[in-house]
């Protein structure tokens, strides 16, 4: 897995969020009282940006139809969404938040082979 540095921890207060682009995909990075999570920034039901929805404990709520998703697992927790969303591993090193990207790793491996 390749790791992408996304933002300083100081720019992500508790209950804060930031949308970053990793390999052409919008990723929502959210900090709660329990930790920092990264999920795809798209509701699996309606396709709208989840960044506009409220964070309630460890869930993100779709601003359009109120579907709820676990920030930890990506699991759809309420209708009208039945499919989950992608999650990404997160680590903090020093002052930086890093998000794991399988696609970035695949690109690096292709370059190394070529």
C-alpha atoms as a PDB file:
ATOM      1  CA  UNK A   1       0.000   0.000   0.000  1.00  0.00           C
ATOM      2  CA  UNK A   2       1.198   3.492  -0.832  1.00  0.00           C
ATOM      3  CA  UNK A   3       0.544   6.342   1.593  1.00  0.00           C
ATOM      4  CA  UNK A   4      -0.481   9.852   0.544  1.00  0.00           C
ATOM      5  CA  UNK A   5       0.117  12.844   2.836  1.00  0.00           C
ATOM      6  CA  UNK A   6      -3.189  14.737   2.895  1.00  0.00           C
ATOM      7  CA  UNK A   7      -3.186  17.482   5.533  1.00  0.00           C
ATOM      8  CA  UNK A   8      -1.642  18.662   8.796  1.00  0.00           C
ATOM      9  CA  UNK A   9      -3.390  17.359  11.918  1.00  0.00           C
ATOM     10  CA  UNK A  10      -3.717  20.986  13.102  1.00  0.00           C
ATOM     11  CA  UNK A  11      -5.962  21.736  10.088  1.00  0.00           C
ATOM     12  CA  UNK A  12      -8.372  18.992  11.136  1.00  0.00           C
ATOM     13  CA  UNK A  13      -9.989  19.859  14.476  1.00  0.00           C
ATOM     14  CA  UNK A  14     -12.321  17.411  16.229  1.00  0.00           C
ATOM     15  CA  UNK A  15     -15.528  17.325  14.181  1.00  0.00           C
ATOM     16  CA  UNK A  16     -13.567  18.818  11.292  1.00  0.00           C
ATOM     17  CA  UNK A  17     -13.439  17.443   7.788  1.00  0.00           C
ATOM     18  CA  UNK A  18     -11.488  17.940   4.631  1.00  0.00           C
ATOM     19  CA  UNK A  19     -11.986  16.670   1.091  1.00  0.00           C
ATOM     20  CA  UNK A  20      -8.823  15.607  -0.708  1.00  0.00           C
ATOM     21  CA  UNK A  21      -8.242  14.052  -4.096  1.00  0.00           C
ATOM     22  CA  UNK A  22      -6.283  10.820  -4.239  1.00  0.00           C
ATOM     23  CA  UNK A  23      -5.665   9.280  -7.628  1.00  0.00           C
ATOM     24  CA  UNK A  24      -8.641  11.104  -9.129  1.00  0.00           C
ATOM     25  CA  UNK A  25     -11.061  10.093  -6.372  1.00  0.00           C
ATOM     26  CA  UNK A  26     -12.535  12.459  -3.791  1.00  0.00           C
ATOM     27  CA  UNK A  27     -11.812  11.215  -0.286  1.00  0.00           C
ATOM     28  CA  UNK A  28     -13.447  12.688   2.793  1.00  0.00           C
ATOM     29  CA  UNK A  29     -11.153  12.857   5.828  1.00  0.00           C
ATOM     30  CA  UNK A  30     -13.077  13.296   9.082  1.00  0.00           C
ATOM     31  CA  UNK A  31     -11.842  13.713  12.651  1.00  0.00           C
ATOM     32  CA  UNK A  32     -14.099  12.629  15.512  1.00  0.00           C
ATOM     33  CA  UNK A  33     -13.459  12.339  19.225  1.00  0.00           C
ATOM     34  CA  UNK A  34     -12.448   8.703  18.573  1.00  0.00           C
ATOM     35  CA  UNK A  35     -10.034   9.227  15.695  1.00  0.00           C
ATOM     36  CA  UNK A  36      -9.487  10.171  12.069  1.00  0.00           C
ATOM     37  CA  UNK A  37     -11.296   8.340   9.280  1.00  0.00           C
ATOM     38  CA  UNK A  38     -11.179   8.454   5.482  1.00  0.00           C
ATOM     39  CA  UNK A  39     -14.087   7.417   3.259  1.00  0.00           C
ATOM     40  CA  UNK A  40     -15.124   8.001  -0.312  1.00  0.00           C
ATOM     41  CA  UNK A  41     -16.955  11.311  -0.631  1.00  0.00           C
ATOM     42  CA  UNK A  42     -19.969   9.874  -2.424  1.00  0.00           C
ATOM     43  CA  UNK A  43     -23.231   8.432  -1.163  1.00  0.00           C
ATOM     44  CA  UNK A  44     -23.742   4.933  -2.578  1.00  0.00           C
ATOM     45  CA  UNK A  45     -27.463   5.626  -2.994  1.00  0.00           C
ATOM     46  CA  UNK A  46     -27.668   9.094  -4.530  1.00  0.00           C
ATOM     47  CA  UNK A  47     -24.077   9.863  -5.533  1.00  0.00           C
ATOM     48  CA  UNK A  48     -24.048  13.205  -3.697  1.00  0.00           C
ATOM     49  CA  UNK A  49     -21.070  14.494  -1.740  1.00  0.00           C
ATOM     50  CA  UNK A  50     -21.097  13.243   1.840  1.00  0.00           C
ATOM     51  CA  UNK A  51     -18.889  16.141   2.970  1.00  0.00           C
ATOM     52  CA  UNK A  52     -21.996  18.328   3.177  1.00  0.00           C
ATOM     53  CA  UNK A  53     -23.734  15.974   5.606  1.00  0.00           C
ATOM     54  CA  UNK A  54     -23.529  15.975   9.390  1.00  0.00           C
ATOM     55  CA  UNK A  55     -21.153  13.756  11.340  1.00  0.00           C
ATOM     56  CA  UNK A  56     -22.849  12.062  14.284  1.00  0.00           C
ATOM     57  CA  UNK A  57     -20.425  10.157  16.507  1.00  0.00           C
ATOM     58  CA  UNK A  58     -18.756   7.731  14.076  1.00  0.00           C
ATOM     59  CA  UNK A  59     -21.248   8.061  11.221  1.00  0.00           C
ATOM     60  CA  UNK A  60     -21.632  10.375   8.252  1.00  0.00           C
ATOM     61  CA  UNK A  61     -25.159  11.251   7.147  1.00  0.00           C
ATOM     62  CA  UNK A  62     -26.035  11.865   3.497  1.00  0.00           C
ATOM     63  CA  UNK A  63     -27.368  15.419   3.184  1.00  0.00           C
ATOM     64  CA  UNK A  64     -29.941  14.418   0.547  1.00  0.00           C
ATOM     65  CA  UNK A  65     -31.877  11.416   1.874  1.00  0.00           C
ATOM     66  CA  UNK A  66     -30.306  10.990   5.359  1.00  0.00           C
ATOM     67  CA  UNK A  67     -28.727   7.584   4.692  1.00  0.00           C
ATOM     68  CA  UNK A  68     -26.100   6.854   7.352  1.00  0.00           C
ATOM     69  CA  UNK A  69     -22.676   5.270   6.859  1.00  0.00           C
ATOM     70  CA  UNK A  70     -20.124   4.011   9.362  1.00  0.00           C
ATOM     71  CA  UNK A  71     -16.918   6.030   9.142  1.00  0.00           C
ATOM     72  CA  UNK A  72     -14.953   3.030  10.422  1.00  0.00           C
ATOM     73  CA  UNK A  73     -16.270   0.312   8.095  1.00  0.00           C
ATOM     74  CA  UNK A  74     -18.135   2.164   5.331  1.00  0.00           C
ATOM     75  CA  UNK A  75     -21.196  -0.004   6.033  1.00  0.00           C
ATOM     76  CA  UNK A  76     -24.596   1.438   5.065  1.00  0.00           C
ATOM     77  CA  UNK A  77     -26.478   1.753   8.359  1.00  0.00           C
ATOM     78  CA  UNK A  78     -29.869   2.999   7.166  1.00  0.00           C
ATOM     79  CA  UNK A  79     -32.039   3.164   4.070  1.00  0.00           C
ATOM     80  CA  UNK A  80     -32.310   4.340   1.442  1.00  0.00           C
ATOM     81  CA  UNK A  81     -28.662   3.245   1.073  1.00  0.00           C
ATOM     82  CA  UNK A  82     -28.025  -0.483   1.098  1.00  0.00           C
ATOM     83  CA  UNK A  83     -24.499  -0.536  -0.333  1.00  0.00           C
ATOM     84  CA  UNK A  84     -21.572   0.651   1.725  1.00  0.00           C
ATOM     85  CA  UNK A  85     -18.901   3.165   0.761  1.00  0.00           C
ATOM     86  CA  UNK A  86     -15.158   2.662   0.401  1.00  0.00           C
ATOM     87  CA  UNK A  87     -12.923   3.314   3.384  1.00  0.00           C
ATOM     88  CA  UNK A  88      -9.211   4.056   3.399  1.00  0.00           C
ATOM     89  CA  UNK A  89      -6.620   3.367   6.094  1.00  0.00           C
ATOM     90  CA  UNK A  90      -5.374   6.406   7.999  1.00  0.00           C
ATOM     91  CA  UNK A  91      -2.226   7.025  10.012  1.00  0.00           C
ATOM     92  CA  UNK A  92      -0.767  10.066  11.742  1.00  0.00           C
ATOM     93  CA  UNK A  93       2.962  10.697  11.600  1.00  0.00           C
ATOM     94  CA  UNK A  94       4.223  13.752  13.410  1.00  0.00           C
ATOM     95  CA  UNK A  95       1.988  16.619  12.320  1.00  0.00           C
ATOM     96  CA  UNK A  96       0.629  14.946   9.179  1.00  0.00           C
ATOM     97  CA  UNK A  97      -2.389  12.814   8.335  1.00  0.00           C
ATOM     98  CA  UNK A  98      -1.656  10.101   5.762  1.00  0.00           C
ATOM     99  CA  UNK A  99      -4.233   8.063   3.824  1.00  0.00           C
ATOM    100  CA  UNK A 100      -3.485   4.686   2.266  1.00  0.00           C
ATOM    101  CA  UNK A 101      -4.086   4.305  -1.437  1.00  0.00           C
ATOM    102  CA  UNK A 102      -4.094   0.967  -3.218  1.00  0.00           C
ATOM    103  CA  UNK A 103      -4.283   2.720  -6.588  1.00  0.00           C
ATOM    104  CA  UNK A 104      -1.189   4.798  -5.817  1.00  0.00           C
ATOM    105  CA  UNK A 105       0.626   1.566  -4.971  1.00  0.00           C
ATOM    106  CA  UNK A 106      -0.490  -0.056  -8.213  1.00  0.00           C
ATOM    107  CA  UNK A 107       0.766   2.975 -10.188  1.00  0.00           C
ATOM    108  CA  UNK A 108       4.143   2.811  -8.411  1.00  0.00           C
ATOM    109  CA  UNK A 109       4.442  -0.918  -9.121  1.00  0.00           C
ATOM    110  CA  UNK A 110       3.631  -0.379 -12.818  1.00  0.00           C
ATOM    111  CA  UNK A 111       6.295   2.340 -13.063  1.00  0.00           C
ATOM    112  CA  UNK A 112       8.826   0.094 -11.322  1.00  0.00           C
ATOM    113  CA  UNK A 113       8.124  -2.778 -13.731  1.00  0.00           C
ATOM    114  CA  UNK A 114       8.215  -0.588 -16.857  1.00  0.00           C
END
